[in-house]
Protein backbone atom coordinates (compact mmCIF):
# COMPACT_ATOMS: atom_id res chain seq x y z
CA MET A 1 -76.60 -54.05 20.40
CA PRO A 2 -73.23 -52.63 21.55
CA GLU A 3 -71.09 -54.55 24.02
CA LEU A 4 -68.44 -53.37 26.47
CA VAL A 5 -65.06 -55.10 26.28
CA ARG A 6 -62.49 -54.59 29.04
CA LEU A 7 -58.76 -55.06 28.55
CA THR A 8 -57.09 -54.34 31.88
CA GLY A 9 -53.52 -54.42 33.09
CA ILE A 10 -51.76 -53.79 29.77
CA LYS A 11 -48.17 -53.33 30.91
CA GLY A 12 -45.54 -51.33 29.08
CA GLU A 13 -42.44 -49.27 29.67
CA GLY A 14 -42.10 -45.71 28.49
CA ARG A 15 -40.38 -42.36 28.88
CA HIS A 16 -43.14 -40.08 30.09
CA GLY A 17 -42.86 -37.46 32.81
CA VAL A 18 -41.92 -33.90 33.63
CA HIS A 19 -38.55 -34.75 35.20
CA ASP A 20 -35.49 -35.32 33.03
CA ARG A 21 -34.84 -38.70 34.68
CA GLU A 22 -38.31 -39.85 33.56
CA GLN A 23 -37.46 -38.94 29.98
CA GLU A 24 -34.05 -40.63 30.14
CA ARG A 25 -34.97 -44.06 31.53
CA PRO A 26 -38.09 -46.11 30.81
CA GLN A 27 -40.48 -46.67 33.68
CA PRO A 28 -43.55 -48.91 34.00
CA PHE A 29 -47.04 -47.86 32.95
CA VAL A 30 -50.26 -49.84 33.13
CA VAL A 31 -53.18 -49.18 30.80
CA ASP A 32 -56.81 -50.22 31.26
CA LEU A 33 -59.25 -50.02 28.36
CA GLU A 34 -62.99 -50.23 27.96
CA LEU A 35 -64.05 -50.58 24.33
CA VAL A 36 -67.56 -50.29 23.01
CA VAL A 37 -67.98 -52.62 20.04
CA ASP A 38 -71.00 -53.66 18.02
CA PRO A 39 -70.29 -56.91 16.17
CA LEU A 40 -73.05 -57.73 13.73
CA GLU A 41 -71.97 -61.35 13.36
CA ASP A 42 -69.88 -64.02 15.09
CA ASP A 43 -66.67 -63.22 13.24
CA LEU A 44 -63.45 -61.38 14.15
CA SER A 45 -63.86 -59.14 11.10
CA ALA A 46 -67.07 -57.80 12.67
CA THR A 47 -65.42 -56.39 15.79
CA ALA A 48 -62.18 -54.87 17.09
CA ASP A 49 -59.15 -57.16 17.05
CA TYR A 50 -58.02 -57.12 20.68
CA ASP A 51 -54.51 -58.35 19.80
CA GLU A 52 -54.13 -55.29 17.56
CA VAL A 53 -55.45 -52.97 20.27
CA VAL A 54 -52.95 -54.26 22.84
CA ARG A 55 -50.07 -53.98 20.34
CA VAL A 56 -51.08 -50.40 19.55
CA VAL A 57 -51.20 -49.42 23.23
CA ARG A 58 -47.84 -51.01 24.05
CA GLY A 59 -46.31 -49.36 20.98
CA LEU A 60 -47.55 -45.90 21.95
CA VAL A 61 -46.30 -46.26 25.53
CA ALA A 62 -42.87 -47.48 24.37
CA THR A 63 -42.17 -45.29 21.34
CA GLU A 64 -43.74 -41.90 22.04
CA SER A 65 -42.69 -39.58 24.86
CA TYR A 66 -44.73 -36.94 26.67
CA ARG A 67 -44.11 -34.77 29.69
CA LEU A 68 -47.69 -35.22 30.94
CA ILE A 69 -49.51 -38.53 31.28
CA GLU A 70 -52.60 -36.50 30.44
CA THR A 71 -51.17 -36.16 26.93
CA LEU A 72 -50.28 -39.86 26.77
CA VAL A 73 -53.77 -41.00 27.81
CA ARG A 74 -55.41 -38.66 25.29
CA ARG A 75 -53.13 -39.96 22.51
CA ILE A 76 -53.90 -43.59 23.38
CA ALA A 77 -57.65 -42.85 23.41
CA GLU A 78 -57.50 -41.18 19.98
CA VAL A 79 -55.52 -44.00 18.38
CA VAL A 80 -57.53 -46.84 19.95
CA ALA A 81 -60.81 -45.14 18.96
CA ALA A 82 -59.57 -45.19 15.35
CA VAL A 83 -59.05 -48.99 15.35
CA ARG A 84 -61.56 -50.72 13.09
CA GLY A 85 -64.54 -51.96 15.07
CA VAL A 86 -64.16 -49.63 18.05
CA ARG A 87 -67.19 -47.35 18.50
CA SER A 88 -65.72 -45.60 21.55
CA CYS A 89 -63.16 -46.20 24.25
CA ARG A 90 -62.30 -45.22 27.78
CA VAL A 91 -58.62 -45.32 28.69
CA VAL A 92 -56.96 -45.15 32.10
CA VAL A 93 -53.17 -44.85 32.34
CA HIS A 94 -51.60 -45.74 35.69
CA LYS A 95 -48.11 -44.55 36.65
CA PRO A 96 -46.94 -46.87 39.46
CA ARG A 97 -43.64 -45.11 40.22
CA ALA A 98 -45.40 -41.78 40.69
CA ALA A 99 -47.78 -43.43 43.15
CA ASP A 100 -44.86 -44.97 45.04
CA SER A 101 -42.99 -41.66 45.23
CA LEU A 102 -46.10 -39.91 46.59
CA GLY A 103 -46.96 -42.68 49.03
CA VAL A 104 -50.39 -43.23 47.49
CA ARG A 105 -52.06 -46.30 46.04
CA ASP A 106 -52.45 -45.03 42.49
CA VAL A 107 -51.74 -42.15 40.14
CA SER A 108 -53.84 -42.42 37.01
CA VAL A 109 -55.45 -40.31 34.32
CA GLU A 110 -58.54 -41.13 32.27
CA ALA A 111 -59.68 -40.10 28.78
CA THR A 112 -62.44 -41.13 26.40
CA ALA A 113 -62.78 -40.94 22.63
CA ARG A 114 -65.36 -41.84 20.01
CA GLY A 115 -64.54 -44.10 17.10
CA VAL A 116 -64.82 -43.13 13.47
CA PRO A 117 -68.17 -44.25 11.99
CA GLU A 118 -67.70 -47.10 9.53
């Protein structure tokens, strides 16, 4: 029976945004994940390795660069869905500085992706 795993508040710094200044200097991003996993036994090899998932997300935020956070969230969803043991994932990327500049509580984008059948 599949279970839902939440990894929330994954912080990273990246160069994503439509303005040149956003591409030039890193800014904070926060990523929330919901992973559907289906471990068949009580062993790490039977499910997604959450340490690996967090490393992958932080790496994508820090090393890739997109003008739209819509592209970033889609990329994270695709890569996380490909991690061994992930059946599907839902990803939300929050951009705190954009929220601050607009005077709103949050600016975020959501994407989902299905894992590769094992």
